[in-house]
N, C-alpha and C. Protein backbone atom coordinates (compact mmCIF):
# COMPACT_ATOMS: atom_id res chain seq x y z
N UNK A 1 68.75 9.18 -4.95
CA UNK A 1 68.02 8.63 -6.07
C UNK A 1 67.19 7.42 -5.65
N UNK A 2 67.78 6.58 -4.82
CA UNK A 2 67.08 5.39 -4.35
C UNK A 2 65.84 5.78 -3.53
N UNK A 3 65.99 6.83 -2.75
CA UNK A 3 64.88 7.30 -1.92
C UNK A 3 63.71 7.76 -2.79
N UNK A 4 63.99 8.47 -3.89
CA UNK A 4 62.93 8.95 -4.77
C UNK A 4 62.22 7.80 -5.47
N UNK A 5 62.95 6.79 -5.81
CA UNK A 5 62.32 5.60 -6.41
C UNK A 5 61.41 4.91 -5.41
N UNK A 6 61.85 4.84 -4.18
CA UNK A 6 61.04 4.23 -3.12
C UNK A 6 59.76 5.03 -2.89
N UNK A 7 59.88 6.35 -2.81
CA UNK A 7 58.71 7.22 -2.62
C UNK A 7 57.79 7.11 -3.84
N UNK A 8 58.34 7.19 -5.02
CA UNK A 8 57.54 7.08 -6.24
C UNK A 8 56.84 5.73 -6.34
N UNK A 9 57.56 4.67 -6.01
CA UNK A 9 56.97 3.32 -6.03
C UNK A 9 55.86 3.19 -5.01
N UNK A 10 56.07 3.77 -3.84
CA UNK A 10 55.03 3.72 -2.79
C UNK A 10 53.78 4.47 -3.21
N UNK A 11 53.95 5.64 -3.79
CA UNK A 11 52.80 6.41 -4.27
C UNK A 11 52.06 5.67 -5.37
N UNK A 12 52.81 5.07 -6.26
CA UNK A 12 52.18 4.29 -7.34
C UNK A 12 51.42 3.10 -6.76
N UNK A 13 51.96 2.44 -5.77
CA UNK A 13 51.29 1.30 -5.14
C UNK A 13 49.99 1.74 -4.47
N UNK A 14 50.04 2.88 -3.78
CA UNK A 14 48.83 3.40 -3.12
C UNK A 14 47.78 3.74 -4.16
N UNK A 15 48.18 4.38 -5.24
CA UNK A 15 47.25 4.73 -6.31
C UNK A 15 46.61 3.48 -6.92
N UNK A 16 47.41 2.46 -7.14
CA UNK A 16 46.89 1.20 -7.70
C UNK A 16 45.88 0.57 -6.76
N UNK A 17 46.18 0.56 -5.46
CA UNK A 17 45.25 -0.02 -4.49
C UNK A 17 43.94 0.77 -4.44
N UNK A 18 44.02 2.11 -4.44
CA UNK A 18 42.82 2.95 -4.42
C UNK A 18 41.99 2.73 -5.68
N UNK A 19 42.65 2.70 -6.84
CA UNK A 19 41.92 2.50 -8.08
C UNK A 19 41.29 1.10 -8.12
N UNK A 20 42.01 0.11 -7.65
CA UNK A 20 41.46 -1.26 -7.60
C UNK A 20 40.23 -1.30 -6.70
N UNK A 21 40.30 -0.62 -5.56
CA UNK A 21 39.13 -0.56 -4.65
C UNK A 21 37.95 0.12 -5.32
N UNK A 22 38.21 1.19 -6.07
CA UNK A 22 37.18 1.89 -6.82
C UNK A 22 36.54 0.94 -7.83
N UNK A 23 37.36 0.20 -8.56
CA UNK A 23 36.85 -0.73 -9.57
C UNK A 23 36.00 -1.84 -8.95
N UNK A 24 36.47 -2.39 -7.84
CA UNK A 24 35.73 -3.45 -7.15
C UNK A 24 34.38 -2.91 -6.67
N UNK A 25 34.38 -1.71 -6.10
CA UNK A 25 33.13 -1.12 -5.62
C UNK A 25 32.17 -0.88 -6.78
N UNK A 26 32.68 -0.45 -7.93
CA UNK A 26 31.83 -0.28 -9.11
C UNK A 26 31.18 -1.59 -9.51
N UNK A 27 31.94 -2.66 -9.55
CA UNK A 27 31.42 -3.97 -9.97
C UNK A 27 30.38 -4.47 -8.98
N UNK A 28 30.70 -4.41 -7.69
CA UNK A 28 29.77 -4.90 -6.66
C UNK A 28 28.48 -4.08 -6.68
N UNK A 29 28.62 -2.75 -6.72
CA UNK A 29 27.43 -1.89 -6.73
C UNK A 29 26.65 -2.07 -8.02
N UNK A 30 27.35 -2.20 -9.14
CA UNK A 30 26.68 -2.43 -10.42
C UNK A 30 25.87 -3.72 -10.42
N UNK A 31 26.39 -4.76 -9.80
CA UNK A 31 25.65 -6.03 -9.70
C UNK A 31 24.39 -5.86 -8.85
N UNK A 32 24.49 -5.11 -7.76
CA UNK A 32 23.31 -4.87 -6.92
C UNK A 32 22.26 -4.06 -7.68
N UNK A 33 22.71 -3.04 -8.41
CA UNK A 33 21.79 -2.22 -9.19
C UNK A 33 21.11 -3.06 -10.28
N UNK A 34 21.85 -3.99 -10.87
CA UNK A 34 21.28 -4.86 -11.90
C UNK A 34 20.15 -5.72 -11.35
N UNK A 35 20.16 -6.01 -10.05
CA UNK A 35 19.08 -6.77 -9.41
C UNK A 35 17.95 -5.86 -8.95
N UNK A 36 18.29 -4.69 -8.45
CA UNK A 36 17.31 -3.77 -7.89
C UNK A 36 16.43 -3.13 -8.96
N UNK A 37 17.06 -2.64 -10.02
CA UNK A 37 16.33 -1.85 -11.02
C UNK A 37 15.18 -2.61 -11.68
N UNK A 38 15.35 -3.84 -12.12
CA UNK A 38 14.20 -4.53 -12.70
C UNK A 38 13.05 -4.69 -11.69
N UNK A 39 13.37 -4.94 -10.44
CA UNK A 39 12.32 -5.09 -9.42
C UNK A 39 11.60 -3.76 -9.20
N UNK A 40 12.35 -2.67 -9.13
CA UNK A 40 11.74 -1.35 -8.95
C UNK A 40 10.90 -0.97 -10.16
N UNK A 41 11.43 -1.23 -11.35
CA UNK A 41 10.70 -0.89 -12.57
C UNK A 41 9.40 -1.69 -12.66
N UNK A 42 9.46 -2.98 -12.36
CA UNK A 42 8.25 -3.81 -12.40
C UNK A 42 7.22 -3.33 -11.39
N UNK A 43 7.67 -2.99 -10.20
CA UNK A 43 6.76 -2.49 -9.16
C UNK A 43 6.10 -1.18 -9.58
N UNK A 44 6.89 -0.26 -10.12
CA UNK A 44 6.35 1.03 -10.56
C UNK A 44 5.38 0.84 -11.72
N UNK A 45 5.71 -0.03 -12.66
CA UNK A 45 4.82 -0.29 -13.80
C UNK A 45 3.52 -0.95 -13.35
N UNK A 46 3.60 -1.86 -12.39
CA UNK A 46 2.40 -2.52 -11.88
C UNK A 46 1.46 -1.52 -11.21
N UNK A 47 2.03 -0.65 -10.39
CA UNK A 47 1.19 0.37 -9.74
C UNK A 47 0.55 1.29 -10.76
N UNK A 48 1.29 1.64 -11.81
CA UNK A 48 0.74 2.50 -12.85
C UNK A 48 -0.38 1.78 -13.60
N UNK A 49 -0.18 0.52 -13.94
CA UNK A 49 -1.22 -0.24 -14.63
C UNK A 49 -2.50 -0.33 -13.80
N UNK A 50 -2.34 -0.52 -12.51
CA UNK A 50 -3.50 -0.60 -11.63
C UNK A 50 -4.26 0.72 -11.57
N UNK A 51 -3.61 1.81 -11.89
CA UNK A 51 -4.24 3.14 -11.82
C UNK A 51 -4.50 3.73 -13.20
N UNK A 52 -4.22 2.98 -14.25
CA UNK A 52 -4.31 3.53 -15.61
C UNK A 52 -5.70 4.12 -15.93
N UNK A 53 -6.76 3.41 -15.63
CA UNK A 53 -8.11 3.90 -15.94
C UNK A 53 -8.41 5.17 -15.15
N UNK A 54 -8.09 5.15 -13.88
CA UNK A 54 -8.30 6.33 -13.04
C UNK A 54 -7.49 7.51 -13.55
N UNK A 55 -6.22 7.29 -13.86
CA UNK A 55 -5.37 8.39 -14.32
C UNK A 55 -5.85 8.94 -15.65
N UNK A 56 -6.34 8.06 -16.53
CA UNK A 56 -6.86 8.52 -17.82
C UNK A 56 -8.05 9.44 -17.59
N UNK A 57 -8.89 9.09 -16.64
CA UNK A 57 -10.07 9.91 -16.32
C UNK A 57 -9.64 11.24 -15.67
N UNK A 58 -8.73 11.18 -14.74
CA UNK A 58 -8.37 12.38 -13.98
C UNK A 58 -7.50 13.35 -14.77
N UNK A 59 -6.58 12.82 -15.55
CA UNK A 59 -5.61 13.69 -16.22
C UNK A 59 -5.95 13.98 -17.67
N UNK A 60 -6.96 13.29 -18.19
CA UNK A 60 -7.44 13.48 -19.56
C UNK A 60 -6.30 13.60 -20.56
N UNK A 61 -6.13 14.74 -21.21
CA UNK A 61 -5.11 14.92 -22.25
C UNK A 61 -3.68 14.85 -21.73
N UNK A 62 -3.51 15.06 -20.43
CA UNK A 62 -2.17 15.00 -19.84
C UNK A 62 -1.79 13.59 -19.38
N UNK A 63 -2.68 12.63 -19.55
CA UNK A 63 -2.40 11.27 -19.09
C UNK A 63 -1.11 10.68 -19.67
N UNK A 64 -0.80 10.91 -20.96
CA UNK A 64 0.46 10.35 -21.47
C UNK A 64 1.70 10.83 -20.69
N UNK A 65 1.65 12.05 -20.23
CA UNK A 65 2.78 12.55 -19.43
C UNK A 65 2.82 11.81 -18.09
N UNK A 66 1.67 11.61 -17.48
CA UNK A 66 1.60 10.92 -16.19
C UNK A 66 2.07 9.48 -16.34
N UNK A 67 1.83 8.88 -17.49
CA UNK A 67 2.26 7.49 -17.70
C UNK A 67 3.77 7.36 -17.78
N UNK A 68 4.50 8.47 -17.76
CA UNK A 68 5.95 8.44 -17.70
C UNK A 68 6.47 8.37 -16.26
N UNK A 69 5.55 8.25 -15.32
CA UNK A 69 5.91 8.25 -13.90
C UNK A 69 6.99 7.21 -13.56
N UNK A 70 6.87 5.95 -13.99
CA UNK A 70 7.94 5.00 -13.65
C UNK A 70 9.31 5.44 -14.17
N UNK A 71 9.31 6.07 -15.32
CA UNK A 71 10.56 6.57 -15.88
C UNK A 71 11.14 7.68 -15.00
N UNK A 72 10.26 8.55 -14.49
CA UNK A 72 10.70 9.66 -13.65
C UNK A 72 11.18 9.18 -12.30
N UNK A 73 10.55 8.16 -11.78
CA UNK A 73 10.88 7.70 -10.44
C UNK A 73 12.06 6.74 -10.45
N UNK A 74 12.12 5.85 -11.44
CA UNK A 74 13.13 4.80 -11.42
C UNK A 74 13.95 4.73 -12.71
N UNK A 75 13.28 4.74 -13.84
CA UNK A 75 13.91 4.42 -15.11
C UNK A 75 15.14 5.23 -15.46
N UNK A 76 15.04 6.53 -15.38
CA UNK A 76 16.19 7.36 -15.77
C UNK A 76 17.35 7.20 -14.79
N UNK A 77 17.03 7.03 -13.54
CA UNK A 77 18.08 6.84 -12.54
C UNK A 77 18.82 5.54 -12.81
N UNK A 78 18.08 4.48 -13.08
CA UNK A 78 18.72 3.18 -13.36
C UNK A 78 19.56 3.26 -14.62
N UNK A 79 19.05 3.88 -15.66
CA UNK A 79 19.81 4.01 -16.91
C UNK A 79 21.09 4.78 -16.68
N UNK A 80 21.00 5.83 -15.94
CA UNK A 80 22.17 6.65 -15.65
C UNK A 80 23.22 5.85 -14.86
N UNK A 81 22.75 5.10 -13.87
CA UNK A 81 23.68 4.32 -13.06
C UNK A 81 24.41 3.25 -13.86
N UNK A 82 23.72 2.64 -14.81
CA UNK A 82 24.38 1.62 -15.62
C UNK A 82 25.59 2.18 -16.34
N UNK A 83 25.50 3.42 -16.78
CA UNK A 83 26.63 4.06 -17.44
C UNK A 83 27.71 4.51 -16.48
N UNK A 84 27.31 4.83 -15.26
CA UNK A 84 28.27 5.33 -14.27
C UNK A 84 29.02 4.22 -13.54
N UNK A 85 28.47 3.03 -13.51
CA UNK A 85 29.07 1.95 -12.72
C UNK A 85 29.85 0.94 -13.55
N UNK A 86 30.32 1.34 -14.71
CA UNK A 86 31.20 0.45 -15.46
C UNK A 86 32.47 0.27 -14.64
N UNK A 87 33.09 -0.87 -14.73
CA UNK A 87 34.15 -1.24 -13.80
C UNK A 87 35.31 -0.26 -13.75
N UNK A 88 35.68 0.33 -14.88
CA UNK A 88 36.87 1.18 -14.95
C UNK A 88 36.61 2.65 -14.60
N UNK A 89 35.33 3.03 -14.46
CA UNK A 89 34.97 4.43 -14.20
C UNK A 89 35.48 4.89 -12.83
N UNK A 90 36.14 6.02 -12.78
CA UNK A 90 36.59 6.59 -11.50
C UNK A 90 35.39 7.25 -10.85
N UNK A 91 34.91 6.72 -9.73
CA UNK A 91 33.74 7.26 -9.04
C UNK A 91 34.04 7.79 -7.65
N UNK A 92 35.25 7.61 -7.20
CA UNK A 92 35.63 8.10 -5.88
C UNK A 92 35.62 9.63 -5.91
N UNK A 93 34.74 10.22 -5.12
CA UNK A 93 34.64 11.68 -5.05
C UNK A 93 33.82 12.32 -6.16
N UNK A 94 33.24 11.54 -7.06
CA UNK A 94 32.41 12.07 -8.15
C UNK A 94 30.97 12.28 -7.70
N UNK A 95 30.33 13.25 -8.32
CA UNK A 95 28.91 13.49 -8.08
C UNK A 95 28.19 13.40 -9.42
N UNK A 96 27.10 12.64 -9.42
CA UNK A 96 26.27 12.50 -10.62
C UNK A 96 25.12 13.48 -10.50
N UNK A 97 24.96 14.31 -11.51
CA UNK A 97 23.86 15.28 -11.53
C UNK A 97 22.65 14.62 -12.17
N UNK A 98 21.52 14.71 -11.51
CA UNK A 98 20.30 14.05 -11.96
C UNK A 98 19.34 15.05 -12.62
N UNK A 99 19.85 15.90 -13.49
CA UNK A 99 19.07 16.98 -14.09
C UNK A 99 17.90 16.47 -14.94
N UNK A 100 18.10 15.39 -15.72
CA UNK A 100 17.01 14.87 -16.56
C UNK A 100 15.85 14.36 -15.70
N UNK A 101 16.19 13.65 -14.64
CA UNK A 101 15.15 13.14 -13.74
C UNK A 101 14.43 14.31 -13.08
N UNK A 102 15.17 15.30 -12.66
CA UNK A 102 14.59 16.49 -12.03
C UNK A 102 13.63 17.19 -12.99
N UNK A 103 14.02 17.32 -14.25
CA UNK A 103 13.18 18.00 -15.25
C UNK A 103 11.88 17.23 -15.50
N UNK A 104 11.96 15.91 -15.63
CA UNK A 104 10.76 15.12 -15.85
C UNK A 104 9.83 15.19 -14.64
N UNK A 105 10.39 15.12 -13.45
CA UNK A 105 9.57 15.24 -12.24
C UNK A 105 8.87 16.60 -12.20
N UNK A 106 9.57 17.65 -12.58
CA UNK A 106 8.95 18.98 -12.58
C UNK A 106 7.80 19.04 -13.57
N UNK A 107 7.96 18.41 -14.72
CA UNK A 107 6.88 18.37 -15.71
C UNK A 107 5.66 17.63 -15.15
N UNK A 108 5.90 16.54 -14.44
CA UNK A 108 4.80 15.78 -13.82
C UNK A 108 4.11 16.61 -12.74
N UNK A 109 4.87 17.36 -11.98
CA UNK A 109 4.29 18.21 -10.92
C UNK A 109 3.38 19.27 -11.54
N UNK A 110 3.79 19.86 -12.64
CA UNK A 110 2.97 20.87 -13.32
C UNK A 110 1.64 20.26 -13.75
N UNK A 111 1.68 19.04 -14.30
CA UNK A 111 0.45 18.36 -14.74
C UNK A 111 -0.45 18.07 -13.54
N UNK A 112 0.12 17.59 -12.47
CA UNK A 112 -0.68 17.29 -11.27
C UNK A 112 -1.29 18.56 -10.70
N UNK A 113 -0.51 19.63 -10.63
CA UNK A 113 -1.03 20.90 -10.12
C UNK A 113 -2.17 21.42 -10.98
N UNK A 114 -2.10 21.18 -12.28
CA UNK A 114 -3.17 21.62 -13.18
C UNK A 114 -4.43 20.77 -12.98
N UNK A 115 -4.27 19.53 -12.56
CA UNK A 115 -5.40 18.61 -12.41
C UNK A 115 -6.08 18.72 -11.04
N UNK A 116 -5.34 19.00 -10.01
CA UNK A 116 -5.90 18.99 -8.65
C UNK A 116 -7.16 19.83 -8.48
N UNK A 117 -7.25 21.05 -9.03
CA UNK A 117 -8.47 21.85 -8.82
C UNK A 117 -9.74 21.23 -9.44
N UNK A 118 -9.58 20.40 -10.45
CA UNK A 118 -10.74 19.79 -11.12
C UNK A 118 -10.82 18.28 -10.87
N UNK A 119 -10.03 17.80 -9.95
CA UNK A 119 -9.91 16.36 -9.71
C UNK A 119 -11.25 15.71 -9.33
N UNK A 120 -11.93 16.24 -8.34
CA UNK A 120 -13.18 15.63 -7.89
C UNK A 120 -14.22 15.65 -9.00
N UNK A 121 -14.31 16.74 -9.72
CA UNK A 121 -15.26 16.85 -10.82
C UNK A 121 -14.99 15.78 -11.88
N UNK A 122 -13.74 15.62 -12.26
CA UNK A 122 -13.39 14.62 -13.27
C UNK A 122 -13.61 13.20 -12.76
N UNK A 123 -13.34 12.98 -11.50
CA UNK A 123 -13.49 11.63 -10.95
C UNK A 123 -14.95 11.20 -10.89
N UNK A 124 -15.86 12.13 -10.70
CA UNK A 124 -17.28 11.78 -10.57
C UNK A 124 -18.05 11.98 -11.87
N UNK A 125 -17.45 12.53 -12.89
CA UNK A 125 -18.13 12.81 -14.15
C UNK A 125 -18.66 11.52 -14.77
N UNK A 126 -19.92 11.54 -15.13
CA UNK A 126 -20.52 10.43 -15.84
C UNK A 126 -20.87 9.22 -14.99
N UNK A 127 -20.82 9.35 -13.69
CA UNK A 127 -21.15 8.21 -12.83
C UNK A 127 -22.53 8.44 -12.23
N UNK A 128 -23.41 7.51 -12.50
CA UNK A 128 -24.77 7.61 -11.98
C UNK A 128 -24.93 6.55 -10.89
N UNK A 129 -24.93 6.98 -9.67
CA UNK A 129 -25.12 6.08 -8.54
C UNK A 129 -25.19 6.93 -7.28
N UNK A 130 -25.03 6.30 -6.15
CA UNK A 130 -25.06 6.99 -4.88
C UNK A 130 -24.01 8.11 -4.87
N UNK A 131 -24.50 9.33 -4.87
CA UNK A 131 -23.59 10.47 -4.99
C UNK A 131 -22.60 10.57 -3.83
N UNK A 132 -23.03 10.31 -2.63
CA UNK A 132 -22.14 10.44 -1.47
C UNK A 132 -20.98 9.45 -1.56
N UNK A 133 -21.28 8.22 -1.92
CA UNK A 133 -20.23 7.21 -2.06
C UNK A 133 -19.21 7.62 -3.11
N UNK A 134 -19.68 8.06 -4.27
CA UNK A 134 -18.77 8.46 -5.34
C UNK A 134 -17.99 9.71 -4.98
N UNK A 135 -18.61 10.59 -4.26
CA UNK A 135 -17.90 11.79 -3.81
C UNK A 135 -16.76 11.42 -2.86
N UNK A 136 -17.03 10.46 -1.96
CA UNK A 136 -15.99 10.00 -1.04
C UNK A 136 -14.87 9.29 -1.80
N UNK A 137 -15.23 8.46 -2.78
CA UNK A 137 -14.21 7.78 -3.58
C UNK A 137 -13.38 8.78 -4.39
N UNK A 138 -14.06 9.78 -4.95
CA UNK A 138 -13.35 10.80 -5.72
C UNK A 138 -12.40 11.59 -4.81
N UNK A 139 -12.86 11.93 -3.63
CA UNK A 139 -12.01 12.66 -2.68
C UNK A 139 -10.79 11.82 -2.30
N UNK A 140 -10.99 10.54 -2.08
CA UNK A 140 -9.87 9.64 -1.75
C UNK A 140 -8.90 9.56 -2.92
N UNK A 141 -9.41 9.45 -4.12
CA UNK A 141 -8.55 9.39 -5.32
C UNK A 141 -7.75 10.67 -5.46
N UNK A 142 -8.38 11.78 -5.21
CA UNK A 142 -7.68 13.06 -5.33
C UNK A 142 -6.65 13.22 -4.23
N UNK A 143 -6.92 12.66 -3.07
CA UNK A 143 -5.92 12.69 -2.00
C UNK A 143 -4.70 11.86 -2.40
N UNK A 144 -4.95 10.75 -3.09
CA UNK A 144 -3.85 9.93 -3.59
C UNK A 144 -2.97 10.74 -4.56
N UNK A 145 -3.62 11.55 -5.40
CA UNK A 145 -2.88 12.38 -6.36
C UNK A 145 -2.04 13.42 -5.60
N UNK A 146 -2.59 13.97 -4.52
CA UNK A 146 -1.82 14.92 -3.71
C UNK A 146 -0.61 14.24 -3.08
N UNK A 147 -0.78 13.02 -2.63
CA UNK A 147 0.34 12.26 -2.06
C UNK A 147 1.40 11.99 -3.13
N UNK A 148 0.95 11.65 -4.31
CA UNK A 148 1.85 11.42 -5.43
C UNK A 148 2.65 12.68 -5.75
N UNK A 149 1.96 13.81 -5.70
CA UNK A 149 2.63 15.09 -5.96
C UNK A 149 3.69 15.36 -4.90
N UNK A 150 3.36 15.08 -3.65
CA UNK A 150 4.33 15.29 -2.56
C UNK A 150 5.55 14.39 -2.75
N UNK A 151 5.33 13.18 -3.23
CA UNK A 151 6.43 12.26 -3.48
C UNK A 151 7.34 12.80 -4.58
N UNK A 152 6.75 13.32 -5.64
CA UNK A 152 7.54 13.87 -6.74
C UNK A 152 8.26 15.15 -6.32
N UNK A 153 7.69 15.84 -5.35
CA UNK A 153 8.27 17.10 -4.90
C UNK A 153 9.50 16.88 -4.02
N UNK A 154 9.72 15.64 -3.58
CA UNK A 154 10.91 15.33 -2.80
C UNK A 154 12.11 15.55 -3.71
N UNK A 155 13.07 16.36 -3.26
CA UNK A 155 14.19 16.68 -4.15
C UNK A 155 15.00 15.46 -4.56
N UNK A 156 15.38 15.43 -5.82
CA UNK A 156 16.29 14.41 -6.33
C UNK A 156 17.69 14.86 -5.93
N UNK A 157 18.39 14.02 -5.23
CA UNK A 157 19.71 14.37 -4.73
C UNK A 157 20.81 13.99 -5.72
N UNK A 158 21.67 14.95 -6.01
CA UNK A 158 22.88 14.63 -6.75
C UNK A 158 23.81 13.95 -5.76
N UNK A 159 24.42 12.87 -6.16
CA UNK A 159 25.29 12.12 -5.25
C UNK A 159 26.26 11.29 -6.06
N UNK A 160 27.11 10.57 -5.36
CA UNK A 160 28.01 9.64 -6.05
C UNK A 160 27.16 8.51 -6.62
N UNK A 161 27.65 7.83 -7.63
CA UNK A 161 26.89 6.68 -8.16
C UNK A 161 26.61 5.65 -7.06
N UNK A 162 27.56 5.48 -6.15
CA UNK A 162 27.37 4.52 -5.06
C UNK A 162 26.27 5.00 -4.12
N UNK A 163 26.20 6.30 -3.86
CA UNK A 163 25.16 6.86 -3.00
C UNK A 163 23.78 6.74 -3.63
N UNK A 164 23.70 6.97 -4.94
CA UNK A 164 22.42 6.85 -5.64
C UNK A 164 21.96 5.39 -5.61
N UNK A 165 22.89 4.48 -5.78
CA UNK A 165 22.54 3.05 -5.70
C UNK A 165 21.98 2.71 -4.32
N UNK A 166 22.56 3.27 -3.28
CA UNK A 166 22.04 3.03 -1.92
C UNK A 166 20.63 3.60 -1.77
N UNK A 167 20.37 4.76 -2.38
CA UNK A 167 19.02 5.33 -2.34
C UNK A 167 18.03 4.39 -3.02
N UNK A 168 18.42 3.82 -4.15
CA UNK A 168 17.54 2.88 -4.84
C UNK A 168 17.28 1.64 -3.99
N UNK A 169 18.31 1.18 -3.30
CA UNK A 169 18.14 -0.01 -2.45
C UNK A 169 17.08 0.23 -1.39
N UNK A 170 17.02 1.45 -0.88
CA UNK A 170 16.00 1.76 0.13
C UNK A 170 14.59 1.71 -0.44
N UNK A 171 14.46 1.92 -1.74
CA UNK A 171 13.16 1.88 -2.39
C UNK A 171 12.74 0.48 -2.82
N UNK A 172 13.70 -0.43 -2.86
CA UNK A 172 13.46 -1.76 -3.42
C UNK A 172 12.36 -2.50 -2.68
N UNK A 173 11.43 -3.09 -3.44
CA UNK A 173 10.40 -3.91 -2.79
C UNK A 173 11.07 -5.12 -2.14
N UNK A 174 10.65 -5.43 -0.95
CA UNK A 174 11.21 -6.58 -0.23
C UNK A 174 12.73 -6.47 -0.19
N UNK A 175 13.24 -5.50 0.41
CA UNK A 175 14.66 -5.15 0.46
C UNK A 175 15.63 -6.32 0.26
N UNK A 176 15.17 -7.54 0.42
CA UNK A 176 16.07 -8.68 0.23
C UNK A 176 16.58 -8.73 -1.20
N UNK A 177 15.79 -8.25 -2.16
CA UNK A 177 16.21 -8.24 -3.56
C UNK A 177 17.48 -7.42 -3.68
N UNK A 178 17.57 -6.35 -2.91
CA UNK A 178 18.71 -5.45 -3.00
C UNK A 178 20.01 -6.13 -2.60
N UNK A 179 19.97 -7.01 -1.67
CA UNK A 179 21.18 -7.67 -1.19
C UNK A 179 21.36 -9.06 -1.82
N UNK A 180 20.51 -9.40 -2.79
CA UNK A 180 20.68 -10.65 -3.51
C UNK A 180 20.04 -11.85 -2.83
N UNK A 181 19.27 -11.63 -1.78
CA UNK A 181 18.59 -12.75 -1.11
C UNK A 181 17.20 -12.91 -1.69
N UNK A 182 16.72 -14.09 -1.62
CA UNK A 182 15.37 -14.36 -2.10
C UNK A 182 14.38 -13.88 -1.05
N UNK A 183 13.23 -13.29 -1.49
CA UNK A 183 12.21 -12.83 -0.53
C UNK A 183 11.55 -13.97 0.21
């Protein structure tokens, strides 16, 4: 009987230590995500604002969908992580499925694919000036859209909340923000 109590007590102690480690990792990772996400969101929004006029011209009626880009790239992931990294959540061995992010990215890809064949025409429409210069600018703008499409086409990985947080850290502007240091 004494042996079973010792074994049971040892197993309970191991479980408590593992769960405590899980909780600590949730808190530490959650704090890092709380610093990373606002920086990523601000960066994504700034890039979108800088391209708003161009995107309105290129995507016409589909522009409102394209303006959801920061949400597709960062916003939904950050929102999801906030719910997954609460201190008591068991995350050891869990995988978070990023289906909503995947669906929004797919919708954006469809819009971009619909725009690419008419991109140069839309970019140069209504511009009266040196045609060669505007053609080169339009071609460069359309190449940017192709690059954007390739970025969205990168698969969203289902992973543990801790793994997704690490992925976000790699995207963070001035990576120092991710580790809590000042740039």
